[in-house]
Amino acid sequence: MLSRKSLLSASVLSASALTVAMLAAPAQARTLSYASVYPAGSEADKAVHEWAEKVEEYSDGDLKAKVFPMSLLSASEVSAGVRDGMADAGYLLTVYFPAEYPHINLINESAMQVNLIDRERLNGLGTYAFEGAITEFIFFKCPECLQELEAQNHVYTANVASSGYGMVCNEPVVKPEDMEGMRMRVAGSHWSRWVSEFGGSSVSMTISEIREGLSQGVLDCTISSLPEITNLNLTEVVTDVTVDLPGGIYAGSSGASVNKDVWASLSEDQRRATLKAGAYLTAVTPWRYEQTQDEALEAVRQNGGNIHNASKEFHEATEAFVKKDLETIVAYYQERHGVERGGEMLDEFAVLLDKWVDLVQGVESADELAEIYYDEIFAKVDVSKHGL
């Protein structure tokens, strides 16, 4: 029979062996749930799946993300859903929530100013320049933007942007007078004002409702980035696409908006990995959109549709509208949402946009663009303070 001393020694040895075994065992990777608002297989969905892969890669497998395309939360549910923990992160389109995110929406609604930049200098890279500028602005120049997200229990870790916006329609729209009486789905107040300027009426609906709206005649057009034609399976319900107006992009998106409590529970290494993956998402989303525009237009042609360019008169009238509308944006957000420093914000943003036009010149891949975004923006975010 073992003595009490022997039993105690055996117990200590067993506990020590268990501790060693526990330390030697691989840690269980944590998996975040991510609510995507785009259908499976769309370019936006492919981009967020690549983001999930980067989260795992950059965290050395310590952190993962499971993407739920158009199933966990709809576009109109992401803000509250992530806030309340129904998803750990999501694709937040701030335009659906004007009262909650007015400062972010103000900057996003200035996107048509890209049309005013010299075309030769811009070199077709306006989307990437605006994306870099708005991301840097939100992180470092707009405390109100971060406060808006914090008030909804969200943390900003990435931005996403579309390619340039055109008119995806059921009849040709190439001259100002063609707009008269047209019912157009819009994704922002600036596009709504542009529609009204030329005699049309704007309709607000989520991206998941566009196809039905066009097929049932509720809409004559949707003002959208052109790859949405294939992203949202619109090829069979449109006949005419105007590629170069109204212009501008949609970039009011906290593309990997993380629940604040979830963010706080991550280690600093995990937060850093998430931000590095965020830089990739910020780059690959607009890159995919830009690269797939021609494919979307060809799909329209193959289905018997027509591709149009707007008239010179329409371009000149739109440029005049944009200059006037920048002042309207400031007044609108002050009166409607109490944004006090809108003019100052747009002035500061214009400086960043000018800088980013130069920074993105010569970029040849999504990886290269992601590296620029990371070095210039995301690497400078203090993970010990951001979102906490």
Protein backbone atom coordinates (compact mmCIF):
# COMPACT_ATOMS: atom_id res chain seq x y z
CA MET A 1 0.00 0.00 0.00
CA LEU A 2 1.38 3.40 -1.00
CA SER A 3 2.14 5.86 1.74
CA ARG A 4 0.43 9.24 1.91
CA LYS A 5 3.71 10.86 0.82
CA SER A 6 3.93 8.57 -2.23
CA LEU A 7 0.34 9.30 -3.20
CA LEU A 8 1.00 13.05 -2.96
CA SER A 9 4.10 12.76 -5.16
CA ALA A 10 2.19 10.73 -7.74
CA SER A 11 -0.57 13.33 -7.77
CA VAL A 12 1.90 16.17 -8.33
CA LEU A 13 3.57 14.25 -11.15
CA SER A 14 0.20 13.57 -12.80
CA ALA A 15 -0.77 17.24 -12.61
CA SER A 16 2.58 18.26 -14.06
CA ALA A 17 2.22 15.78 -16.90
CA LEU A 18 -1.28 17.10 -17.64
CA THR A 19 0.01 20.68 -17.70
CA VAL A 20 2.81 19.75 -20.12
CA ALA A 21 0.32 17.94 -22.35
CA MET A 22 -2.02 20.92 -22.37
CA LEU A 23 0.81 23.29 -23.29
CA ALA A 24 1.99 20.97 -26.05
CA ALA A 25 -1.49 20.61 -27.59
CA PRO A 26 -2.25 23.02 -30.45
CA ALA A 27 -4.54 25.92 -29.49
CA GLN A 28 -8.04 25.84 -30.93
CA ALA A 29 -8.38 28.48 -33.66
CA ARG A 30 -11.14 30.99 -33.09
CA THR A 31 -13.66 31.39 -35.92
CA LEU A 32 -15.53 34.64 -36.54
CA SER A 33 -18.91 34.64 -38.27
CA TYR A 34 -19.08 37.14 -41.16
CA ALA A 35 -22.35 38.33 -42.72
CA SER A 36 -21.96 39.07 -46.44
CA VAL A 37 -24.79 40.88 -48.25
CA TYR A 38 -23.90 39.59 -51.72
CA PRO A 39 -24.85 36.28 -53.31
CA ALA A 40 -22.44 33.36 -53.37
CA GLY A 41 -20.13 33.45 -56.38
CA SER A 42 -20.41 37.21 -56.96
CA GLU A 43 -17.22 39.25 -57.18
CA ALA A 44 -17.94 40.87 -53.80
CA ASP A 45 -18.50 37.42 -52.28
CA LYS A 46 -15.21 36.17 -53.75
CA ALA A 47 -13.45 39.17 -52.24
CA VAL A 48 -14.74 38.54 -48.72
CA HIS A 49 -13.79 34.86 -48.97
CA GLU A 50 -10.27 35.98 -49.89
CA TRP A 51 -10.37 38.27 -46.85
CA ALA A 52 -11.26 35.26 -44.68
CA GLU A 53 -8.29 33.36 -46.11
CA LYS A 54 -6.02 36.29 -45.34
CA VAL A 55 -7.30 36.49 -41.75
CA GLU A 56 -6.22 32.88 -41.25
CA GLU A 57 -2.92 33.35 -43.11
CA TYR A 58 -1.86 36.52 -41.31
CA SER A 59 -2.82 35.12 -37.89
CA ASP A 60 -0.86 31.90 -38.56
CA GLY A 61 -4.08 29.93 -38.24
CA ASP A 62 -4.94 31.40 -34.84
CA LEU A 63 -8.01 33.21 -36.19
CA LYS A 64 -10.46 32.22 -38.90
CA ALA A 65 -13.64 33.62 -40.43
CA LYS A 66 -16.67 31.82 -41.82
CA VAL A 67 -18.54 33.78 -44.51
CA PHE A 68 -22.35 33.58 -44.75
CA PRO A 69 -23.42 35.03 -48.14
CA MET A 70 -26.91 36.60 -48.10
CA SER A 71 -28.12 34.28 -45.36
CA LEU A 72 -27.11 35.43 -41.89
CA LEU A 73 -28.05 39.11 -42.29
CA SER A 74 -29.43 41.21 -45.15
CA ALA A 75 -27.94 44.58 -46.13
CA SER A 76 -30.55 46.39 -44.05
CA GLU A 77 -29.85 44.19 -41.02
CA VAL A 78 -26.05 44.31 -40.80
CA SER A 79 -25.77 47.40 -38.61
CA ALA A 80 -28.04 46.09 -35.85
CA GLY A 81 -27.05 42.46 -36.42
CA VAL A 82 -23.33 43.03 -35.83
CA ARG A 83 -24.13 45.46 -33.03
CA ASP A 84 -26.17 42.82 -31.21
CA GLY A 85 -23.77 39.93 -31.88
CA MET A 86 -25.87 38.04 -34.43
CA ALA A 87 -22.67 38.09 -36.49
CA ASP A 88 -19.14 38.82 -35.33
CA ALA A 89 -18.47 40.94 -38.42
CA GLY A 90 -20.22 42.03 -41.58
CA TYR A 91 -20.35 43.97 -44.82
CA LEU A 92 -21.78 47.27 -43.58
CA LEU A 93 -23.20 49.58 -46.28
CA THR A 94 -23.67 52.83 -44.37
CA VAL A 95 -26.02 54.38 -46.94
CA TYR A 96 -28.85 52.21 -45.57
CA PHE A 97 -28.46 53.92 -42.19
CA PRO A 98 -28.43 57.72 -42.75
CA ALA A 99 -29.15 58.66 -39.14
CA GLU A 100 -26.46 56.37 -37.71
CA TYR A 101 -23.51 57.21 -40.00
CA PRO A 102 -23.91 60.79 -41.31
CA HIS A 103 -20.21 61.73 -41.32
CA ILE A 104 -19.19 58.62 -43.27
CA ASN A 105 -22.07 59.14 -45.68
CA LEU A 106 -21.15 62.80 -46.23
CA ILE A 107 -17.67 61.88 -47.48
CA ASN A 108 -19.03 58.98 -49.53
CA GLU A 109 -21.56 61.26 -51.21
CA SER A 110 -18.75 63.50 -52.44
CA ALA A 111 -17.45 60.68 -54.68
CA MET A 112 -18.65 62.31 -57.89
CA GLN A 113 -15.86 64.87 -57.39
CA VAL A 114 -13.57 62.28 -58.99
CA ASN A 115 -15.22 63.32 -62.28
CA LEU A 116 -13.68 66.79 -61.87
CA ILE A 117 -10.05 65.57 -61.75
CA ASP A 118 -8.06 65.86 -64.96
CA ARG A 119 -8.63 62.59 -66.83
CA GLU A 120 -5.05 62.24 -68.02
CA ARG A 121 -3.69 62.66 -64.50
CA LEU A 122 -6.30 60.32 -63.08
CA ASN A 123 -5.36 57.69 -65.68
CA GLY A 124 -8.47 55.60 -65.04
CA LEU A 125 -7.50 54.97 -61.42
CA GLY A 126 -10.04 57.16 -59.67
CA THR A 127 -11.63 54.24 -57.83
CA TYR A 128 -8.34 53.24 -56.16
CA ALA A 129 -7.49 56.85 -55.32
CA PHE A 130 -10.88 57.53 -53.72
CA GLU A 131 -10.75 54.23 -51.83
CA GLY A 132 -7.35 55.04 -50.35
CA ALA A 133 -8.39 58.57 -49.47
CA ILE A 134 -11.64 57.65 -47.72
CA THR A 135 -9.99 54.82 -45.77
CA GLU A 136 -7.19 57.06 -44.52
CA PHE A 137 -9.70 59.80 -43.77
CA ILE A 138 -11.93 57.57 -41.65
CA PHE A 139 -9.02 56.09 -39.69
CA PHE A 140 -7.10 59.30 -39.00
CA LYS A 141 -9.00 62.44 -40.01
CA CYS A 142 -12.59 61.75 -38.95
CA PRO A 143 -13.00 60.97 -35.26
CA GLU A 144 -16.74 61.48 -35.74
CA CYS A 145 -16.78 58.60 -38.25
CA LEU A 146 -15.20 56.22 -35.75
CA GLN A 147 -17.51 57.48 -33.01
CA GLU A 148 -20.54 56.73 -35.19
CA LEU A 149 -19.36 53.15 -35.58
CA GLU A 150 -18.54 52.85 -31.88
CA ALA A 151 -22.04 54.07 -30.97
CA GLN A 152 -23.39 51.07 -32.90
CA ASN A 153 -20.89 48.69 -31.24
CA HIS A 154 -18.86 48.39 -34.47
CA VAL A 155 -15.12 48.67 -35.15
CA TYR A 156 -13.73 49.79 -38.51
CA THR A 157 -11.11 47.39 -39.92
CA ALA A 158 -11.50 47.70 -43.71
CA ASN A 159 -13.23 49.66 -46.44
CA VAL A 160 -14.73 48.44 -49.69
CA ALA A 161 -15.56 50.33 -52.85
CA SER A 162 -17.20 49.71 -56.18
CA SER A 163 -16.01 50.67 -59.63
CA GLY A 164 -17.49 53.70 -61.37
CA TYR A 165 -21.29 54.03 -61.49
CA GLY A 166 -23.36 53.96 -64.66
CA MET A 167 -27.01 53.51 -65.59
CA VAL A 168 -28.29 49.95 -65.98
CA CYS A 169 -31.65 50.33 -67.68
CA ASN A 170 -34.55 49.02 -69.72
CA GLU A 171 -34.28 51.79 -72.32
CA PRO A 172 -31.51 54.08 -73.67
CA VAL A 173 -30.40 57.08 -71.58
CA VAL A 174 -27.74 59.12 -73.42
CA LYS A 175 -29.02 62.72 -73.39
CA PRO A 176 -30.30 64.91 -70.52
CA GLU A 177 -33.83 64.82 -71.91
CA ASP A 178 -33.85 61.00 -71.80
CA MET A 179 -33.99 61.24 -68.00
CA GLU A 180 -37.44 62.81 -67.93
CA GLY A 181 -39.83 60.62 -65.95
CA MET A 182 -37.34 57.77 -65.45
CA ARG A 183 -37.64 55.77 -62.20
CA MET A 184 -34.11 55.07 -61.01
CA ARG A 185 -32.86 53.10 -58.05
CA VAL A 186 -30.07 55.04 -56.32
CA ALA A 187 -27.55 54.22 -53.59
CA GLY A 188 -27.01 57.70 -52.18
CA SER A 189 -28.55 61.15 -51.86
CA HIS A 190 -26.09 62.70 -54.34
CA TRP A 191 -27.24 60.34 -57.09
CA SER A 192 -30.83 61.03 -56.07
CA ARG A 193 -30.25 64.77 -56.51
CA TRP A 194 -28.57 64.12 -59.87
CA VAL A 195 -31.62 62.15 -61.03
CA SER A 196 -33.94 64.95 -59.92
CA GLU A 197 -31.74 67.55 -61.64
CA PHE A 198 -32.56 65.95 -64.99
CA GLY A 199 -36.25 65.20 -64.44
CA GLY A 200 -36.19 61.63 -63.16
CA SER A 201 -37.46 60.18 -59.89
CA SER A 202 -35.29 58.21 -57.49
CA VAL A 203 -36.30 54.95 -55.81
CA SER A 204 -34.63 53.54 -52.70
CA MET A 205 -34.32 49.77 -52.35
CA THR A 206 -31.73 47.27 -51.15
CA ILE A 207 -29.41 45.50 -53.58
CA SER A 208 -31.32 42.25 -53.09
CA GLU A 209 -34.50 43.89 -54.49
CA ILE A 210 -33.02 45.38 -57.67
CA ARG A 211 -33.53 42.41 -60.00
CA GLU A 212 -37.20 42.06 -59.11
CA GLY A 213 -37.72 45.81 -59.41
CA LEU A 214 -36.33 45.85 -62.95
CA SER A 215 -38.14 42.71 -64.07
CA GLN A 216 -41.51 43.90 -62.77
CA GLY A 217 -41.21 47.42 -64.15
CA VAL A 218 -41.02 49.10 -60.76
CA LEU A 219 -37.67 50.47 -61.96
CA ASP A 220 -36.53 51.79 -65.33
CA CYS A 221 -32.88 51.85 -64.26
CA THR A 222 -30.55 51.21 -61.39
CA ILE A 223 -27.60 53.55 -60.91
CA SER A 224 -24.96 50.98 -60.00
CA SER A 225 -21.38 49.95 -60.57
CA LEU A 226 -21.33 47.95 -63.78
CA PRO A 227 -20.17 44.58 -62.37
CA GLU A 228 -23.41 44.50 -60.37
CA ILE A 229 -24.99 43.40 -63.66
CA THR A 230 -23.44 39.96 -63.13
CA ASN A 231 -23.07 40.15 -59.33
CA LEU A 232 -26.84 40.51 -58.98
CA ASN A 233 -27.83 38.45 -62.05
CA LEU A 234 -29.34 41.42 -63.92
CA THR A 235 -28.32 40.37 -67.45
CA GLU A 236 -31.76 39.07 -68.39
CA VAL A 237 -33.71 42.02 -67.01
CA VAL A 238 -31.83 44.96 -68.62
CA THR A 239 -31.55 46.08 -72.25
CA ASP A 240 -29.43 49.26 -72.16
CA VAL A 241 -26.38 50.34 -70.15
CA THR A 242 -24.85 53.84 -70.10
CA VAL A 243 -21.28 53.33 -68.92
CA ASP A 244 -19.94 56.81 -68.18
CA LEU A 245 -22.63 58.69 -66.24
CA PRO A 246 -23.44 59.63 -63.56
CA GLY A 247 -19.97 58.50 -62.46
CA GLY A 248 -18.66 58.45 -58.92
CA ILE A 249 -18.24 55.30 -56.86
CA TYR A 250 -19.77 53.83 -53.74
CA ALA A 251 -17.20 53.67 -50.94
CA GLY A 252 -19.30 54.15 -47.80
CA SER A 253 -18.66 50.64 -46.57
CA SER A 254 -17.10 49.35 -43.40
CA GLY A 255 -16.23 46.21 -45.29
CA ALA A 256 -15.24 44.08 -42.33
CA SER A 257 -17.12 45.82 -39.56
CA VAL A 258 -16.36 43.94 -36.34
CA ASN A 259 -18.52 43.75 -33.24
CA LYS A 260 -16.78 45.94 -30.63
CA ASP A 261 -16.93 43.33 -27.88
CA VAL A 262 -15.50 40.70 -30.22
CA TRP A 263 -12.71 43.07 -31.22
CA ALA A 264 -11.84 43.75 -27.60
CA SER A 265 -11.62 40.01 -26.92
CA LEU A 266 -8.99 39.50 -29.63
CA SER A 267 -5.29 39.59 -28.86
CA GLU A 268 -3.22 42.42 -30.30
CA ASP A 269 -1.67 39.96 -32.76
CA GLN A 270 -5.14 38.90 -33.89
CA ARG A 271 -6.23 42.52 -34.31
CA ARG A 272 -3.10 43.26 -36.30
CA ALA A 273 -3.76 40.25 -38.54
CA THR A 274 -7.35 41.40 -39.04
CA LEU A 275 -6.19 44.86 -40.07
CA LYS A 276 -3.65 43.42 -42.50
CA ALA A 277 -6.42 41.29 -44.00
CA GLY A 278 -8.53 44.45 -44.02
CA ALA A 279 -5.96 46.21 -46.20
CA TYR A 280 -6.25 43.32 -48.65
CA LEU A 281 -10.07 43.50 -48.68
CA THR A 282 -9.87 47.26 -49.18
CA ALA A 283 -7.77 46.62 -52.30
CA VAL A 284 -9.19 43.43 -53.78
CA THR A 285 -12.85 44.53 -53.76
CA PRO A 286 -12.47 47.56 -56.07
CA TRP A 287 -9.81 45.68 -58.04
CA ARG A 288 -12.24 42.84 -58.77
CA TYR A 289 -14.96 45.32 -59.70
CA GLU A 290 -12.70 47.21 -62.09
CA GLN A 291 -11.39 44.04 -63.72
CA THR A 292 -14.84 42.54 -64.31
CA GLN A 293 -16.59 45.54 -65.88
CA ASP A 294 -15.90 44.39 -69.43
CA GLU A 295 -17.20 40.90 -68.65
CA ALA A 296 -20.46 42.36 -67.34
CA LEU A 297 -20.93 44.52 -70.42
CA GLU A 298 -20.19 41.60 -72.72
CA ALA A 299 -22.85 39.57 -70.89
CA VAL A 300 -25.36 42.33 -71.71
CA ARG A 301 -24.33 42.29 -75.37
CA GLN A 302 -24.59 38.52 -75.56
CA ASN A 303 -28.14 38.78 -74.26
CA GLY A 304 -29.07 41.30 -76.97
CA GLY A 305 -28.60 44.46 -74.91
CA ASN A 306 -26.95 47.73 -75.95
CA ILE A 307 -24.03 49.67 -74.47
CA HIS A 308 -24.04 53.49 -74.62
CA ASN A 309 -21.86 56.51 -73.87
CA ALA A 310 -23.52 59.71 -72.71
CA SER A 311 -23.48 62.79 -74.93
CA LYS A 312 -20.97 65.62 -74.47
CA GLU A 313 -23.86 67.86 -73.44
CA PHE A 314 -24.83 65.41 -70.71
CA HIS A 315 -21.24 65.26 -69.41
CA GLU A 316 -20.94 69.03 -69.25
CA ALA A 317 -24.26 69.36 -67.46
CA THR A 318 -23.20 66.69 -64.96
CA GLU A 319 -19.89 68.43 -64.20
CA ALA A 320 -21.78 71.64 -63.47
CA PHE A 321 -24.10 69.68 -61.18
CA VAL A 322 -21.17 68.12 -59.27
CA LYS A 323 -19.55 71.48 -58.51
CA LYS A 324 -22.83 72.83 -57.18
CA ASP A 325 -23.67 69.64 -55.31
CA LEU A 326 -20.53 69.68 -53.14
CA GLU A 327 -21.99 72.78 -51.48
CA THR A 328 -25.40 71.14 -51.29
CA ILE A 329 -23.91 68.13 -49.48
CA VAL A 330 -22.48 70.31 -46.72
CA ALA A 331 -25.76 72.17 -46.21
CA TYR A 332 -27.84 68.99 -46.39
CA TYR A 333 -25.87 67.14 -43.73
CA GLN A 334 -25.78 70.13 -41.42
CA GLU A 335 -29.51 70.71 -41.66
CA ARG A 336 -30.63 67.06 -41.72
CA HIS A 337 -28.05 65.37 -39.46
CA GLY A 338 -26.33 68.13 -37.50
CA VAL A 339 -22.90 67.68 -39.12
CA GLU A 340 -21.15 70.90 -38.14
CA ARG A 341 -17.82 70.72 -39.95
CA GLY A 342 -18.85 69.35 -43.33
CA GLY A 343 -17.03 72.03 -45.30
CA GLU A 344 -13.84 71.49 -43.32
CA MET A 345 -14.14 67.72 -43.85
CA LEU A 346 -14.47 68.07 -47.62
CA ASP A 347 -11.49 70.45 -47.74
CA GLU A 348 -9.32 67.99 -45.79
CA PHE A 349 -10.55 65.11 -47.90
CA ALA A 350 -9.72 66.89 -51.16
CA VAL A 351 -6.09 67.15 -50.04
CA LEU A 352 -5.97 63.40 -49.31
CA LEU A 353 -7.64 62.55 -52.61
CA ASP A 354 -5.08 64.61 -54.50
CA LYS A 355 -2.28 62.73 -52.70
CA TRP A 356 -3.83 59.35 -53.46
CA VAL A 357 -4.20 60.09 -57.18
CA ASP A 358 -0.39 60.07 -57.29
CA LEU A 359 0.07 57.13 -54.88
CA VAL A 360 -1.93 54.66 -56.97
CA GLN A 361 -0.34 55.44 -60.32
CA GLY A 362 1.43 52.44 -61.80
CA VAL A 363 -0.32 49.85 -59.60
CA GLU A 364 -0.55 46.55 -61.49
CA SER A 365 -2.19 44.06 -59.13
CA ALA A 366 -4.50 43.73 -56.15
CA ASP A 367 -1.55 42.55 -54.06
CA GLU A 368 0.45 45.64 -54.96
CA LEU A 369 -2.52 47.90 -54.16
CA ALA A 370 -3.03 46.12 -50.84
CA GLU A 371 0.62 46.69 -49.96
CA ILE A 372 0.27 50.42 -50.66
CA TYR A 373 -2.89 50.62 -48.53
CA TYR A 374 -1.24 48.68 -45.71
CA ASP A 375 1.97 50.69 -45.66
CA GLU A 376 0.24 54.07 -45.97
CA ILE A 377 -2.75 53.40 -43.70
CA PHE A 378 -3.31 50.14 -41.85
CA ALA A 379 0.22 49.65 -40.52
CA LYS A 380 -0.11 53.01 -38.76
CA VAL A 381 -3.21 52.00 -36.75
CA ASP A 382 -2.45 51.43 -33.05
CA VAL A 383 -4.05 48.08 -32.25
CA SER A 384 -3.70 48.71 -28.51
CA LYS A 385 -6.11 51.65 -28.78
CA HIS A 386 -8.17 51.41 -31.96
CA GLY A 387 -11.77 50.43 -31.31
CA LEU A 388 -11.23 50.07 -27.57
